[in-house]
């Protein structure tokens, strides 16, 4: 057995090109599967991690509940609109609510969204006994209008520190550098990294966001804009884009959800339920790519088979010599089968390096662009399958070439022609 393994390894080394090509194809097949599965797993865990601190309910304008959750918790896309601040006042005074956090998304600084809120934001926790999810790492929490606390990623990307000042740009995304408000904001604090999309945002009072727009609307009105238009715009600009609600209990959460079910101005959604729909979409994509992975694995099996088949045909005389000096048919059979298994096993090892490496690179790029954490973890539960597949492919692809070697006629191959 040991001699057969050593001979198989020597044969592979003697034909590096024939050995590397099927090994690389196998590595690509395994690597594709690992990349897809690792990214899917990382996306799910990252989204759950990013949504943990944000309460049981999200209240916002009527519309697509999933879009409301994505915009509020993951800061993806534009807000659905605004709701009257009175809704927050009512929720804050509701005995069924343990904590309500207003959110008013309006402008941005260098692409980092500026979110108007209040001190309740810094009381958000992943659980009752957990520490606050958003803690100050440098400076202090804002205590007055036009004071700003930056997320850790926003501070790093913008190069701002406590004591620095800036002017906000119009809109929720990065725009023209000259398209800015006149009001000066001052950085008073920087948050510790929290592992959520909110690391890439800036926080101030909701009144600061409203006052900036009210001031500019006043100037437009002075230049001749109709009062009726101004009144409508002011109502929109002094609204909230969402409210995070942590009810006292699950029964109270259902009661609050039912209150908003028939409301004409706002809706309440469960983030977990809406994110579950997002996971279903992710699973559909994973299933499609998994099928592609199986097709690539099939191509890898054919490549290994053709390589070993051609190699066996070209080495029939060498096999006959091996038989003539004492090697049995079983020895020959095992040598060819060991060669095939070695190709697929080394391909599986290389595939792991490629798969996890590509997943880590793609995850880093997605995290940098979206600020959504995408942790890549070792897929322990899939290891048995990821080993059985290449070994099974190796055995199936090697049986025919090994059988061909087994049946080599020594006399015919060594007789002079």
Protein backbone atom coordinates (compact mmCIF):
# COMPACT_ATOMS: atom_id res chain seq x y z
CA UNK A 1 0.00 0.00 0.00
CA UNK A 2 2.76 2.47 0.94
CA UNK A 3 4.68 1.58 -2.21
CA UNK A 4 1.54 2.17 -4.32
CA UNK A 5 1.05 5.60 -2.74
CA UNK A 6 4.70 6.55 -3.35
CA UNK A 7 4.48 5.40 -6.97
CA UNK A 8 1.25 7.33 -7.52
CA UNK A 9 2.86 10.49 -6.13
CA UNK A 10 5.93 10.03 -8.36
CA UNK A 11 3.71 9.61 -11.42
CA UNK A 12 1.86 12.85 -10.64
CA UNK A 13 5.11 14.75 -10.21
CA UNK A 14 6.41 13.37 -13.49
CA UNK A 15 3.49 14.97 -15.38
CA UNK A 16 2.95 18.38 -13.67
CA UNK A 17 0.74 19.92 -16.37
CA UNK A 18 -1.54 16.89 -16.60
CA UNK A 19 -1.78 16.91 -12.82
CA UNK A 20 -2.28 20.65 -12.25
CA UNK A 21 -5.11 21.23 -14.73
CA UNK A 22 -7.65 18.77 -13.21
CA UNK A 23 -6.51 19.81 -9.72
CA UNK A 24 -7.20 23.47 -10.50
CA UNK A 25 -10.60 22.69 -12.04
CA UNK A 26 -11.52 20.74 -8.90
CA UNK A 27 -10.27 23.62 -6.75
CA UNK A 28 -12.44 26.07 -8.67
CA UNK A 29 -15.51 23.88 -8.18
CA UNK A 30 -14.96 23.55 -4.42
CA UNK A 31 -13.88 27.19 -4.12
CA UNK A 32 -17.05 28.44 -5.84
CA UNK A 33 -19.24 26.44 -3.47
CA UNK A 34 -17.37 27.66 -0.39
CA UNK A 35 -17.41 31.29 -1.55
CA UNK A 36 -21.17 31.25 -2.13
CA UNK A 37 -22.00 29.45 1.10
CA UNK A 38 -19.57 31.49 3.23
CA UNK A 39 -20.89 34.80 1.86
CA UNK A 40 -24.50 33.70 2.38
CA UNK A 41 -23.75 32.65 5.96
CA UNK A 42 -21.82 35.86 6.59
CA UNK A 43 -24.61 38.02 5.16
CA UNK A 44 -27.22 36.41 7.39
CA UNK A 45 -25.10 36.66 10.53
CA UNK A 46 -24.03 40.19 9.64
CA UNK A 47 -27.61 41.38 9.11
CA UNK A 48 -28.72 39.78 12.38
CA UNK A 49 -25.76 41.36 14.19
CA UNK A 50 -26.51 44.75 12.64
CA UNK A 51 -30.20 44.59 13.59
CA UNK A 52 -29.80 43.35 17.18
CA UNK A 53 -29.76 46.75 18.94
CA UNK A 54 -32.74 48.29 17.14
CA UNK A 55 -35.75 47.15 19.09
CA UNK A 56 -38.73 44.96 18.34
CA UNK A 57 -40.71 47.37 16.16
CA UNK A 58 -39.93 49.97 13.53
CA UNK A 59 -42.59 52.61 12.95
CA UNK A 60 -42.46 54.63 9.74
CA UNK A 61 -44.39 55.90 6.73
CA UNK A 62 -46.80 53.64 4.87
CA UNK A 63 -45.20 51.61 2.11
CA UNK A 64 -42.92 48.63 1.67
CA UNK A 65 -42.12 47.26 5.12
CA UNK A 66 -38.91 45.61 3.98
CA UNK A 67 -37.66 48.87 2.47
CA UNK A 68 -38.50 50.65 5.74
CA UNK A 69 -36.42 48.13 7.73
CA UNK A 70 -33.51 48.16 5.27
CA UNK A 71 -33.40 51.95 5.25
CA UNK A 72 -33.79 52.30 9.01
CA UNK A 73 -31.56 49.51 10.30
CA UNK A 74 -29.09 48.89 7.46
CA UNK A 75 -29.17 52.46 6.06
CA UNK A 76 -29.82 51.14 2.57
CA UNK A 77 -31.89 53.10 0.05
CA UNK A 78 -33.90 56.27 0.48
CA UNK A 79 -36.50 56.82 3.24
CA UNK A 80 -40.12 56.08 2.38
CA UNK A 81 -41.06 59.58 3.53
CA UNK A 82 -41.82 61.14 6.88
CA UNK A 83 -44.35 60.81 9.69
CA UNK A 84 -45.49 63.55 12.13
CA UNK A 85 -43.34 63.95 15.28
CA UNK A 86 -46.55 63.64 17.31
CA UNK A 87 -46.47 59.90 16.70
CA UNK A 88 -43.16 59.74 18.56
CA UNK A 89 -44.57 61.87 21.41
CA UNK A 90 -47.50 59.46 21.77
CA UNK A 91 -45.25 56.39 21.74
CA UNK A 92 -42.81 57.92 24.23
CA UNK A 93 -45.72 58.51 26.64
CA UNK A 94 -47.28 55.08 26.02
CA UNK A 95 -46.96 52.79 29.10
CA UNK A 96 -46.60 49.82 26.76
CA UNK A 97 -43.29 51.26 25.42
CA UNK A 98 -40.06 50.95 27.40
CA UNK A 99 -38.00 52.98 24.90
CA UNK A 100 -38.78 54.98 21.76
CA UNK A 101 -36.06 56.48 19.55
CA UNK A 102 -36.88 59.06 16.86
CA UNK A 103 -34.89 59.05 13.61
CA UNK A 104 -34.84 61.88 11.07
CA UNK A 105 -32.61 61.17 8.08
CA UNK A 106 -31.94 64.25 6.01
CA UNK A 107 -28.51 65.33 4.83
CA UNK A 108 -25.02 63.84 4.68
CA UNK A 109 -21.38 64.65 5.26
CA UNK A 110 -19.13 63.12 2.64
CA UNK A 111 -21.72 60.41 1.94
CA UNK A 112 -22.21 59.53 5.63
CA UNK A 113 -25.90 60.06 6.47
CA UNK A 114 -26.73 62.57 9.18
CA UNK A 115 -29.41 61.17 11.46
CA UNK A 116 -31.42 63.38 13.78
CA UNK A 117 -32.36 61.67 17.05
CA UNK A 118 -32.19 62.26 20.81
CA UNK A 119 -30.43 60.88 23.90
CA UNK A 120 -32.61 57.73 23.81
CA UNK A 121 -30.54 56.54 20.86
CA UNK A 122 -27.61 55.91 23.18
CA UNK A 123 -29.81 53.70 25.38
CA UNK A 124 -30.42 51.10 22.68
CA UNK A 125 -29.28 47.63 23.76
CA UNK A 126 -29.22 44.15 22.27
CA UNK A 127 -30.94 42.85 25.43
CA UNK A 128 -32.18 44.22 28.73
CA UNK A 129 -29.02 43.33 30.65
CA UNK A 130 -26.58 44.15 27.85
CA UNK A 131 -24.53 47.38 27.83
CA UNK A 132 -25.58 50.17 25.43
CA UNK A 133 -24.93 49.20 21.83
CA UNK A 134 -23.65 52.68 20.93
CA UNK A 135 -21.02 53.94 23.35
CA UNK A 136 -18.86 57.04 23.17
CA UNK A 137 -15.20 56.27 22.54
CA UNK A 138 -13.99 59.86 22.43
CA UNK A 139 -15.69 63.07 23.52
CA UNK A 140 -19.29 63.16 24.72
CA UNK A 141 -22.91 62.86 23.61
CA UNK A 142 -24.43 65.94 21.97
CA UNK A 143 -26.29 68.22 24.39
CA UNK A 144 -27.29 71.02 22.02
CA UNK A 145 -28.39 71.58 18.45
CA UNK A 146 -25.79 71.36 15.66
CA UNK A 147 -23.53 69.19 17.79
CA UNK A 148 -22.63 65.88 16.16
CA UNK A 149 -21.50 62.44 17.30
CA UNK A 150 -19.77 60.47 14.53
CA UNK A 151 -19.81 56.72 14.05
CA UNK A 152 -16.35 55.13 14.19
CA UNK A 153 -16.24 54.34 10.47
CA UNK A 154 -17.58 57.77 9.50
CA UNK A 155 -14.91 59.50 11.61
CA UNK A 156 -12.17 57.37 10.06
CA UNK A 157 -13.38 57.81 6.46
CA UNK A 158 -13.95 61.56 6.84
CA UNK A 159 -10.78 62.21 8.84
CA UNK A 160 -12.73 64.20 11.45
CA UNK A 161 -12.00 64.41 15.18
CA UNK A 162 -13.71 65.90 18.20
CA UNK A 163 -13.71 69.69 17.94
CA UNK A 164 -13.75 69.71 14.11
CA UNK A 165 -16.53 71.48 12.22
CA UNK A 166 -18.25 70.85 8.90
CA UNK A 167 -21.23 71.83 6.79
CA UNK A 168 -23.82 69.25 5.78
CA UNK A 169 -24.58 68.50 2.13
CA UNK A 170 -28.08 68.18 0.69
CA UNK A 171 -29.63 64.75 0.39
CA UNK A 172 -28.96 61.33 1.90
CA UNK A 173 -26.15 60.43 -0.51
CA UNK A 174 -22.88 62.04 -1.54
CA UNK A 175 -23.47 64.93 -3.92
CA UNK A 176 -21.70 67.99 -5.26
CA UNK A 177 -19.20 69.56 -2.89
CA UNK A 178 -20.72 73.02 -3.33
CA UNK A 179 -24.28 71.78 -2.64
CA UNK A 180 -24.08 72.37 1.13
CA UNK A 181 -26.03 74.12 3.85
CA UNK A 182 -24.72 77.24 5.54
CA UNK A 183 -25.14 75.91 9.08
CA UNK A 184 -21.95 74.76 10.84
CA UNK A 185 -21.98 71.44 12.72
CA UNK A 186 -19.38 70.66 15.40
CA UNK A 187 -18.11 67.18 16.25
CA UNK A 188 -18.41 66.60 19.99
CA UNK A 189 -17.99 62.83 20.16
CA UNK A 190 -17.02 59.67 18.29
CA UNK A 191 -18.62 56.28 18.91
CA UNK A 192 -16.79 53.05 19.57
CA UNK A 193 -17.05 50.49 16.73
CA UNK A 194 -20.39 48.73 17.06
CA UNK A 195 -20.36 46.29 14.15
CA UNK A 196 -23.45 47.80 12.51
CA UNK A 197 -24.19 50.01 9.53
CA UNK A 198 -24.57 52.86 12.01
CA UNK A 199 -20.78 52.97 12.37
CA UNK A 200 -20.82 54.91 9.10
CA UNK A 201 -23.32 57.62 10.11
CA UNK A 202 -23.36 60.92 12.02
CA UNK A 203 -25.82 61.79 14.81
CA UNK A 204 -27.28 65.06 15.97
CA UNK A 205 -30.56 66.30 17.41
CA UNK A 206 -33.66 65.94 15.25
CA UNK A 207 -34.23 69.68 15.74
CA UNK A 208 -30.87 70.37 14.08
CA UNK A 209 -31.97 68.54 10.93
CA UNK A 210 -35.29 70.38 10.90
CA UNK A 211 -33.84 73.84 11.64
CA UNK A 212 -31.40 73.66 8.72
CA UNK A 213 -34.22 73.16 6.25
CA UNK A 214 -36.62 75.57 7.94
CA UNK A 215 -33.96 78.30 7.75
CA UNK A 216 -33.44 77.78 4.03
CA UNK A 217 -37.16 77.58 3.38
CA UNK A 218 -37.55 80.91 5.16
CA UNK A 219 -35.03 82.46 2.78
CA UNK A 220 -36.84 80.99 -0.22
CA UNK A 221 -40.12 82.35 1.06
CA UNK A 222 -38.57 85.81 1.46
CA UNK A 223 -37.58 85.68 -2.20
CA UNK A 224 -41.20 85.23 -3.23
CA UNK A 225 -42.10 81.57 -2.76
CA UNK A 226 -45.79 81.07 -1.99
CA UNK A 227 -46.70 80.55 1.64
CA UNK A 228 -48.89 77.55 0.87
CA UNK A 229 -45.97 75.70 -0.71
CA UNK A 230 -43.72 76.64 2.19
CA UNK A 231 -46.21 75.32 4.70
CA UNK A 232 -46.43 71.96 2.95
CA UNK A 233 -42.63 71.67 2.66
CA UNK A 234 -42.13 72.61 6.30
CA UNK A 235 -44.46 69.86 7.40
CA UNK A 236 -42.44 67.37 5.40
CA UNK A 237 -39.06 68.60 6.64
CA UNK A 238 -40.08 68.52 10.33
CA UNK A 239 -41.16 64.90 10.11
CA UNK A 240 -39.45 61.72 11.25
CA UNK A 241 -38.32 59.05 8.83
CA UNK A 242 -38.72 56.26 11.44
CA UNK A 243 -39.15 55.48 15.12
CA UNK A 244 -37.43 52.56 16.87
CA UNK A 245 -39.72 51.04 19.50
CA UNK A 246 -38.84 48.64 22.30
CA UNK A 247 -42.15 47.52 23.88
CA UNK A 248 -42.43 46.29 27.45
CA UNK A 249 -43.22 42.77 26.26
CA UNK A 250 -44.31 40.66 23.30
CA UNK A 251 -48.00 41.12 24.05
CA UNK A 252 -47.54 44.89 24.07
CA UNK A 253 -45.57 44.67 20.81
CA UNK A 254 -48.50 42.92 19.11
CA UNK A 255 -50.93 45.49 20.50
CA UNK A 256 -48.87 48.39 19.15
CA UNK A 257 -48.53 46.64 15.78
CA UNK A 258 -52.32 46.23 15.63
CA UNK A 259 -52.81 49.92 16.49
CA UNK A 260 -50.81 50.92 13.43
CA UNK A 261 -52.31 48.24 11.18
CA UNK A 262 -55.32 50.42 10.40
CA UNK A 263 -53.48 53.74 10.70
CA UNK A 264 -53.46 55.82 7.51
CA UNK A 265 -50.29 57.81 8.19
CA UNK A 266 -47.83 55.25 9.57
CA UNK A 267 -47.10 51.54 9.85
CA UNK A 268 -45.34 49.33 12.38
CA UNK A 269 -43.25 46.38 11.22
CA UNK A 270 -41.28 43.63 12.94
CA UNK A 271 -37.66 43.81 11.69
CA UNK A 272 -37.15 40.07 12.16
CA UNK A 273 -40.13 39.25 9.96
CA UNK A 274 -39.02 41.62 7.19
CA UNK A 275 -35.42 40.41 7.35
CA UNK A 276 -36.74 36.85 7.16
CA UNK A 277 -38.15 37.75 3.73
CA UNK A 278 -34.72 39.08 2.78
CA UNK A 279 -33.15 35.79 3.87
CA UNK A 280 -35.58 33.93 1.62
CA UNK A 281 -34.30 35.98 -1.33
CA UNK A 282 -30.72 35.21 -0.32
CA UNK A 283 -31.53 31.50 -0.14
CA UNK A 284 -32.99 31.57 -3.65
CA UNK A 285 -29.77 33.11 -4.96
CA UNK A 286 -27.71 30.55 -3.06
CA UNK A 287 -29.76 27.69 -4.53
CA UNK A 288 -29.16 28.96 -8.07
CA UNK A 289 -25.42 29.33 -7.48
CA UNK A 290 -25.33 25.92 -5.81
CA UNK A 291 -26.66 24.36 -9.01
CA UNK A 292 -23.92 26.19 -10.89
CA UNK A 293 -21.43 24.76 -8.40
CA UNK A 294 -22.64 21.23 -9.07
CA UNK A 295 -22.28 21.80 -12.81
CA UNK A 296 -18.70 23.00 -12.29
CA UNK A 297 -18.07 19.96 -10.10
CA UNK A 298 -19.36 17.76 -12.92
CA UNK A 299 -16.96 19.48 -15.32
CA UNK A 300 -14.17 18.88 -12.80
CA UNK A 301 -15.06 15.18 -12.65
CA UNK A 302 -14.94 14.91 -16.45
CA UNK A 303 -11.62 16.76 -16.53
CA UNK A 304 -10.10 14.41 -13.96
CA UNK A 305 -11.48 11.39 -15.81
CA UNK A 306 -10.11 12.50 -19.20
CA UNK A 307 -6.74 13.35 -17.69
CA UNK A 308 -6.38 9.99 -15.98
CA UNK A 309 -7.79 8.09 -18.97
CA UNK A 310 -5.30 9.66 -21.36
CA UNK A 311 -2.50 9.20 -18.85
CA UNK A 312 -3.32 5.52 -18.44
CA UNK A 313 -3.48 4.95 -22.23
CA UNK A 314 -0.08 6.62 -22.70
CA UNK A 315 1.47 4.56 -19.89
CA UNK A 316 0.23 1.10 -20.86
CA UNK A 317 3.79 -0.05 -21.66
CA UNK A 318 5.05 1.28 -18.30
CA UNK A 319 2.22 -0.55 -16.57
CA UNK A 320 3.13 -3.74 -18.41
CA UNK A 321 6.77 -3.39 -17.28
CA UNK A 322 5.57 -2.87 -13.70
CA UNK A 323 3.55 -6.04 -13.97
CA UNK A 324 6.51 -7.97 -15.44
CA UNK A 325 8.76 -7.14 -12.48
CA UNK A 326 6.30 -8.41 -9.90
CA UNK A 327 3.52 -5.85 -9.65
CA UNK A 328 0.07 -7.40 -9.43
CA UNK A 329 -3.10 -6.24 -11.14
CA UNK A 330 -4.33 -4.97 -7.77
CA UNK A 331 -1.16 -2.85 -7.36
CA UNK A 332 -1.70 -1.27 -10.75
CA UNK A 333 -5.38 -0.66 -10.04
CA UNK A 334 -4.55 1.01 -6.72
CA UNK A 335 -1.82 3.22 -8.17
CA UNK A 336 -4.14 4.73 -10.77
CA UNK A 337 -6.98 5.14 -8.24
CA UNK A 338 -4.59 6.77 -5.73
CA UNK A 339 -3.44 9.21 -8.43
CA UNK A 340 -7.03 10.22 -9.12
CA UNK A 341 -7.87 10.62 -5.45
CA UNK A 342 -4.71 12.67 -4.89
CA UNK A 343 -5.76 15.09 -7.65
CA UNK A 344 -9.22 15.60 -6.18
CA UNK A 345 -8.05 15.82 -2.55
CA UNK A 346 -5.33 18.35 -3.31
CA UNK A 347 -7.86 20.20 -5.44
CA UNK A 348 -10.24 20.25 -2.47
CA UNK A 349 -7.50 21.70 -0.24
CA UNK A 350 -6.64 24.36 -2.80
CA UNK A 351 -10.36 25.04 -3.22
CA UNK A 352 -10.65 25.85 0.46
CA UNK A 353 -7.90 28.43 0.18
CA UNK A 354 -9.52 29.96 -2.89
CA UNK A 355 -13.04 29.81 -1.48
CA UNK A 356 -12.40 31.36 1.91
CA UNK A 357 -9.92 33.81 0.43
CA UNK A 358 -12.38 35.07 -2.18
CA UNK A 359 -15.19 35.19 0.39
CA UNK A 360 -13.02 37.29 2.72
CA UNK A 361 -12.07 39.71 -0.08
CA UNK A 362 -15.64 40.08 -1.35
CA UNK A 363 -16.96 40.42 2.20
CA UNK A 364 -14.45 43.19 2.94
CA UNK A 365 -15.42 45.08 -0.21
CA UNK A 366 -19.15 44.78 0.54
CA UNK A 367 -18.60 45.91 4.13
CA UNK A 368 -16.61 48.95 3.01
CA UNK A 369 -19.21 49.96 0.44
CA UNK A 370 -22.38 49.26 2.42
CA UNK A 371 -21.14 49.47 6.04
CA UNK A 372 -23.02 46.20 6.66
CA UNK A 373 -20.80 43.72 8.53
CA UNK A 374 -20.16 40.51 6.60
CA UNK A 375 -18.19 38.16 8.89
CA UNK A 376 -16.71 35.11 7.15
CA UNK A 377 -16.60 31.98 9.30
CA UNK A 378 -15.23 28.48 8.81
CA UNK A 379 -18.13 26.25 7.67
CA UNK A 380 -17.56 23.37 10.07
CA UNK A 381 -20.95 21.75 9.44
CA UNK A 382 -20.28 21.53 5.70
CA UNK A 383 -16.85 19.92 6.01
CA UNK A 384 -18.12 16.31 5.72
CA UNK A 385 -19.93 17.14 2.47
CA UNK A 386 -17.01 19.17 1.14
CA UNK A 387 -14.76 16.14 1.64
CA UNK A 388 -17.20 13.48 0.45
CA UNK A 389 -17.82 15.26 -2.86
CA UNK A 390 -14.19 15.38 -4.10
CA UNK A 391 -13.45 11.89 -2.78
CA UNK A 392 -16.57 10.57 -4.50
CA UNK A 393 -15.60 12.38 -7.70
CA UNK A 394 -12.09 10.93 -7.45
CA UNK A 395 -13.35 7.39 -7.03
CA UNK A 396 -15.89 7.64 -9.88
CA UNK A 397 -13.48 9.38 -12.23
CA UNK A 398 -10.69 6.89 -11.45
CA UNK A 399 -12.57 3.61 -11.71
CA UNK A 400 -12.52 3.34 -15.51
CA UNK A 401 -8.83 4.34 -15.93
CA UNK A 402 -7.90 2.03 -13.03
CA UNK A 403 -9.91 -0.77 -14.60
CA UNK A 404 -8.21 -0.11 -17.93
CA UNK A 405 -4.81 -0.39 -16.23
CA UNK A 406 -5.97 -3.55 -14.48
CA UNK A 407 -6.70 -5.23 -17.84
CA UNK A 408 -3.43 -4.30 -19.59
CA UNK A 409 -2.07 -7.35 -21.43
CA UNK A 410 1.60 -7.68 -20.44
CA UNK A 411 2.57 -9.98 -23.29
CA UNK A 412 0.91 -7.81 -25.94
CA UNK A 413 2.46 -4.54 -24.68
CA UNK A 414 5.98 -5.95 -24.25
CA UNK A 415 6.14 -8.10 -27.37
CA UNK A 416 8.24 -6.61 -30.20
CA UNK A 417 6.19 -5.40 -33.17
